[in-house]
Every structure is written in C-alpha cells, then in structure tokens.
Amino acid sequence: MSDLKTQFEQATADSKTLATRPDNTVMLKLYALYKQATTGDVNTKRPGAMDFVGRAKWDAWDGLKGQTPDQAMQNYIDLVNSLKGQ
C-alpha cells in the first residue's frame, strides 16, 4: 500500500473524530474530495431539484472533475490536517 493511501486512510479516520464538526461548506469539500479520491470523476446523474442535499453533494463532487485521485487524496489529507490544527 502506498504511503499516500495510508495517509488518506488515516485522514479519513481522523475526520470522524475532529474536536468540532466543520461547517456545511467544509463538509461538502470533504465529501467531494473523498469521492474524487475513491471513485474519480462523477459517474451518476445529477439529483432532482427537490433533493437539495444530494444536489449540493453532487455539485461539489462535479466541481473536482479532472482532478486525479492522488491529487484529491493529498488535498483531503491537507484539509483534515488543517482542521486538526496541524
């Protein structure tokens, strides 16, 4: 397993034990980076207009289109570390 993958898995675990819950904007960014890192570019249809949460998540993920999984992993790690105060 690569060092980046190990750090990503640790950051994923750390994100669940943060001292305070991040605001919704940061939560969407974490979600989008996680999906981009684990799945790649968005591969589903955009949710309907009445699915506000699903649509916000889809839009955040779609905004990262073209970013490589390794870039997304590193950005996720950096974001979680900044939230932990490192």
N, C-alpha and C. Protein backbone atom coordinates (compact mmCIF):
# COMPACT_ATOMS: atom_id res chain seq x y z
N MET A 1 0.85 -1.18 0.00
CA MET A 1 0.00 0.00 0.00
C MET A 1 0.89 1.24 0.00
N SER A 2 0.54 2.20 -0.82
CA SER A 2 1.36 3.40 -0.92
C SER A 2 1.25 4.26 0.34
N ASP A 3 2.26 5.08 0.54
CA ASP A 3 2.28 5.98 1.69
C ASP A 3 1.11 6.96 1.63
N LEU A 4 0.80 7.44 0.42
CA LEU A 4 -0.32 8.38 0.25
C LEU A 4 -1.63 7.71 0.65
N LYS A 5 -1.83 6.48 0.22
CA LYS A 5 -3.06 5.75 0.56
C LYS A 5 -3.17 5.55 2.07
N THR A 6 -2.06 5.24 2.72
CA THR A 6 -2.05 5.07 4.17
C THR A 6 -2.41 6.37 4.87
N GLN A 7 -1.81 7.47 4.42
CA GLN A 7 -2.11 8.79 5.00
C GLN A 7 -3.58 9.16 4.77
N PHE A 8 -4.11 8.82 3.59
CA PHE A 8 -5.50 9.10 3.26
C PHE A 8 -6.43 8.33 4.19
N GLU A 9 -6.14 7.06 4.41
CA GLU A 9 -6.97 6.26 5.31
C GLU A 9 -6.93 6.81 6.74
N GLN A 10 -5.75 7.27 7.17
CA GLN A 10 -5.63 7.87 8.49
C GLN A 10 -6.43 9.17 8.57
N ALA A 11 -6.34 9.99 7.53
CA ALA A 11 -7.09 11.26 7.49
C ALA A 11 -8.59 10.99 7.51
N THR A 12 -9.02 9.93 6.82
CA THR A 12 -10.44 9.57 6.82
C THR A 12 -10.89 9.22 8.23
N ALA A 13 -10.08 8.45 8.93
CA ALA A 13 -10.41 8.10 10.32
C ALA A 13 -10.38 9.35 11.20
N ASP A 14 -9.38 10.19 11.01
CA ASP A 14 -9.26 11.42 11.81
C ASP A 14 -10.44 12.36 11.58
N SER A 15 -10.97 12.39 10.37
CA SER A 15 -12.08 13.30 10.06
C SER A 15 -13.33 12.98 10.88
N LYS A 16 -13.41 11.75 11.34
CA LYS A 16 -14.58 11.32 12.13
C LYS A 16 -14.44 11.64 13.60
N THR A 17 -13.24 12.09 14.02
CA THR A 17 -13.01 12.36 15.44
C THR A 17 -12.52 13.78 15.68
N LEU A 18 -12.88 14.70 14.81
CA LEU A 18 -12.49 16.09 14.98
C LEU A 18 -13.13 16.67 16.23
N ALA A 19 -12.44 17.60 16.87
CA ALA A 19 -12.95 18.20 18.11
C ALA A 19 -14.28 18.91 17.89
N THR A 20 -14.42 19.60 16.76
CA THR A 20 -15.68 20.26 16.43
C THR A 20 -16.09 19.88 15.02
N ARG A 21 -17.38 19.83 14.79
CA ARG A 21 -17.89 19.48 13.46
C ARG A 21 -17.69 20.67 12.53
N PRO A 22 -17.07 20.43 11.36
CA PRO A 22 -16.89 21.52 10.40
C PRO A 22 -18.24 22.04 9.89
N ASP A 23 -18.23 23.27 9.36
CA ASP A 23 -19.46 23.81 8.80
C ASP A 23 -19.82 23.06 7.51
N ASN A 24 -21.00 23.33 6.99
CA ASN A 24 -21.51 22.59 5.83
C ASN A 24 -20.63 22.75 4.59
N THR A 25 -20.04 23.91 4.40
CA THR A 25 -19.18 24.14 3.25
C THR A 25 -17.96 23.23 3.30
N VAL A 26 -17.35 23.11 4.46
CA VAL A 26 -16.18 22.25 4.63
C VAL A 26 -16.60 20.78 4.52
N MET A 27 -17.76 20.44 5.07
CA MET A 27 -18.24 19.06 4.96
C MET A 27 -18.46 18.67 3.50
N LEU A 28 -18.99 19.59 2.69
CA LEU A 28 -19.16 19.31 1.27
C LEU A 28 -17.81 19.12 0.58
N LYS A 29 -16.83 19.93 0.96
CA LYS A 29 -15.49 19.80 0.37
C LYS A 29 -14.88 18.46 0.75
N LEU A 30 -15.02 18.05 2.01
CA LEU A 30 -14.51 16.74 2.44
C LEU A 30 -15.19 15.62 1.65
N TYR A 31 -16.49 15.72 1.51
CA TYR A 31 -17.24 14.71 0.75
C TYR A 31 -16.75 14.63 -0.69
N ALA A 32 -16.64 15.78 -1.33
CA ALA A 32 -16.25 15.82 -2.74
C ALA A 32 -14.83 15.27 -2.92
N LEU A 33 -13.92 15.66 -2.06
CA LEU A 33 -12.54 15.16 -2.16
C LEU A 33 -12.49 13.65 -1.93
N TYR A 34 -13.27 13.17 -0.97
CA TYR A 34 -13.30 11.73 -0.70
C TYR A 34 -13.81 10.98 -1.93
N LYS A 35 -14.91 11.44 -2.49
CA LYS A 35 -15.49 10.77 -3.66
C LYS A 35 -14.53 10.82 -4.85
N GLN A 36 -13.88 11.96 -5.06
CA GLN A 36 -12.95 12.09 -6.18
C GLN A 36 -11.75 11.15 -5.97
N ALA A 37 -11.30 11.03 -4.73
CA ALA A 37 -10.16 10.17 -4.43
C ALA A 37 -10.50 8.69 -4.57
N THR A 38 -11.71 8.31 -4.22
CA THR A 38 -12.06 6.90 -4.20
C THR A 38 -12.78 6.42 -5.46
N THR A 39 -13.47 7.33 -6.16
CA THR A 39 -14.27 6.95 -7.32
C THR A 39 -13.78 7.58 -8.61
N GLY A 40 -13.19 8.78 -8.51
CA GLY A 40 -12.81 9.52 -9.71
C GLY A 40 -13.91 10.50 -10.07
N ASP A 41 -13.93 10.91 -11.33
CA ASP A 41 -14.94 11.88 -11.77
C ASP A 41 -16.35 11.36 -11.52
N VAL A 42 -17.26 12.32 -11.28
CA VAL A 42 -18.66 11.98 -11.00
C VAL A 42 -19.19 11.06 -12.10
N ASN A 43 -19.91 10.00 -11.68
CA ASN A 43 -20.36 8.99 -12.63
C ASN A 43 -21.85 8.69 -12.51
N THR A 44 -22.57 9.64 -11.93
CA THR A 44 -24.02 9.47 -11.76
C THR A 44 -24.72 10.71 -12.31
N LYS A 45 -26.03 10.57 -12.49
CA LYS A 45 -26.82 11.72 -12.94
C LYS A 45 -27.02 12.67 -11.77
N ARG A 46 -27.18 13.95 -12.09
CA ARG A 46 -27.42 14.96 -11.06
C ARG A 46 -28.79 14.72 -10.44
N PRO A 47 -28.87 14.71 -9.11
CA PRO A 47 -30.17 14.51 -8.45
C PRO A 47 -31.17 15.60 -8.82
N GLY A 48 -32.43 15.28 -8.63
CA GLY A 48 -33.50 16.21 -8.96
C GLY A 48 -33.48 17.46 -8.10
N ALA A 49 -34.22 18.45 -8.54
CA ALA A 49 -34.24 19.77 -7.90
C ALA A 49 -34.73 19.73 -6.45
N MET A 50 -35.53 18.76 -6.11
CA MET A 50 -36.07 18.70 -4.75
C MET A 50 -35.13 17.97 -3.78
N ASP A 51 -34.10 17.34 -4.29
CA ASP A 51 -33.11 16.66 -3.45
C ASP A 51 -31.97 17.65 -3.20
N PHE A 52 -32.20 18.58 -2.29
CA PHE A 52 -31.26 19.67 -2.06
C PHE A 52 -29.89 19.18 -1.58
N VAL A 53 -29.88 18.25 -0.65
CA VAL A 53 -28.62 17.74 -0.11
C VAL A 53 -27.88 16.94 -1.17
N GLY A 54 -28.58 16.04 -1.82
CA GLY A 54 -27.96 15.23 -2.87
C GLY A 54 -27.40 16.08 -3.99
N ARG A 55 -28.12 17.12 -4.33
CA ARG A 55 -27.68 18.00 -5.41
C ARG A 55 -26.45 18.80 -4.99
N ALA A 56 -26.42 19.28 -3.77
CA ALA A 56 -25.25 20.02 -3.27
C ALA A 56 -24.02 19.13 -3.25
N LYS A 57 -24.20 17.89 -2.80
CA LYS A 57 -23.08 16.95 -2.77
C LYS A 57 -22.59 16.64 -4.19
N TRP A 58 -23.53 16.39 -5.10
CA TRP A 58 -23.18 16.09 -6.49
C TRP A 58 -22.44 17.27 -7.12
N ASP A 59 -22.94 18.48 -6.89
CA ASP A 59 -22.30 19.68 -7.46
C ASP A 59 -20.88 19.86 -6.92
N ALA A 60 -20.70 19.62 -5.62
CA ALA A 60 -19.36 19.75 -5.03
C ALA A 60 -18.40 18.74 -5.65
N TRP A 61 -18.86 17.51 -5.81
CA TRP A 61 -18.03 16.45 -6.41
C TRP A 61 -17.75 16.77 -7.87
N ASP A 62 -18.77 17.20 -8.62
CA ASP A 62 -18.60 17.52 -10.03
C ASP A 62 -17.61 18.67 -10.23
N GLY A 63 -17.52 19.55 -9.24
CA GLY A 63 -16.59 20.67 -9.31
C GLY A 63 -15.13 20.25 -9.29
N LEU A 64 -14.86 19.01 -8.93
CA LEU A 64 -13.49 18.49 -8.90
C LEU A 64 -13.15 17.66 -10.14
N LYS A 65 -14.04 17.67 -11.12
CA LYS A 65 -13.84 16.87 -12.33
C LYS A 65 -12.45 17.14 -12.92
N GLY A 66 -11.75 16.08 -13.24
CA GLY A 66 -10.43 16.19 -13.83
C GLY A 66 -9.28 16.09 -12.84
N GLN A 67 -9.59 16.24 -11.56
CA GLN A 67 -8.56 16.10 -10.53
C GLN A 67 -8.24 14.61 -10.37
N THR A 68 -6.98 14.26 -10.34
CA THR A 68 -6.60 12.85 -10.21
C THR A 68 -6.93 12.36 -8.80
N PRO A 69 -7.13 11.06 -8.65
CA PRO A 69 -7.36 10.52 -7.31
C PRO A 69 -6.22 10.86 -6.34
N ASP A 70 -4.98 10.81 -6.81
CA ASP A 70 -3.85 11.14 -5.92
C ASP A 70 -3.90 12.60 -5.48
N GLN A 71 -4.26 13.51 -6.39
CA GLN A 71 -4.38 14.92 -6.02
C GLN A 71 -5.50 15.10 -4.99
N ALA A 72 -6.62 14.42 -5.21
CA ALA A 72 -7.75 14.52 -4.29
C ALA A 72 -7.38 13.95 -2.92
N MET A 73 -6.64 12.84 -2.90
CA MET A 73 -6.20 12.27 -1.62
C MET A 73 -5.33 13.27 -0.87
N GLN A 74 -4.37 13.87 -1.56
CA GLN A 74 -3.48 14.82 -0.91
C GLN A 74 -4.24 16.04 -0.41
N ASN A 75 -5.17 16.54 -1.20
CA ASN A 75 -5.98 17.69 -0.78
C ASN A 75 -6.86 17.34 0.42
N TYR A 76 -7.39 16.12 0.45
CA TYR A 76 -8.19 15.66 1.58
C TYR A 76 -7.32 15.61 2.84
N ILE A 77 -6.15 15.01 2.72
CA ILE A 77 -5.22 14.92 3.85
C ILE A 77 -4.88 16.31 4.37
N ASP A 78 -4.56 17.23 3.46
CA ASP A 78 -4.20 18.60 3.85
C ASP A 78 -5.37 19.29 4.56
N LEU A 79 -6.58 19.10 4.06
CA LEU A 79 -7.76 19.73 4.66
C LEU A 79 -8.01 19.18 6.07
N VAL A 80 -7.95 17.87 6.22
CA VAL A 80 -8.18 17.27 7.54
C VAL A 80 -7.10 17.73 8.52
N ASN A 81 -5.85 17.77 8.07
CA ASN A 81 -4.77 18.24 8.95
C ASN A 81 -5.00 19.68 9.37
N SER A 82 -5.49 20.52 8.46
CA SER A 82 -5.75 21.92 8.82
C SER A 82 -6.89 22.00 9.83
N LEU A 83 -7.87 21.11 9.71
CA LEU A 83 -8.98 21.09 10.66
C LEU A 83 -8.54 20.60 12.03
N LYS A 84 -7.51 19.75 12.05
CA LYS A 84 -6.96 19.26 13.31
C LYS A 84 -6.00 20.26 13.92
N GLY A 85 -5.64 21.29 13.16
CA GLY A 85 -4.73 22.30 13.67
C GLY A 85 -3.26 21.96 13.46
N GLN A 86 -2.97 21.10 12.49
CA GLN A 86 -1.58 20.75 12.22
C GLN A 86 -1.03 21.56 11.09
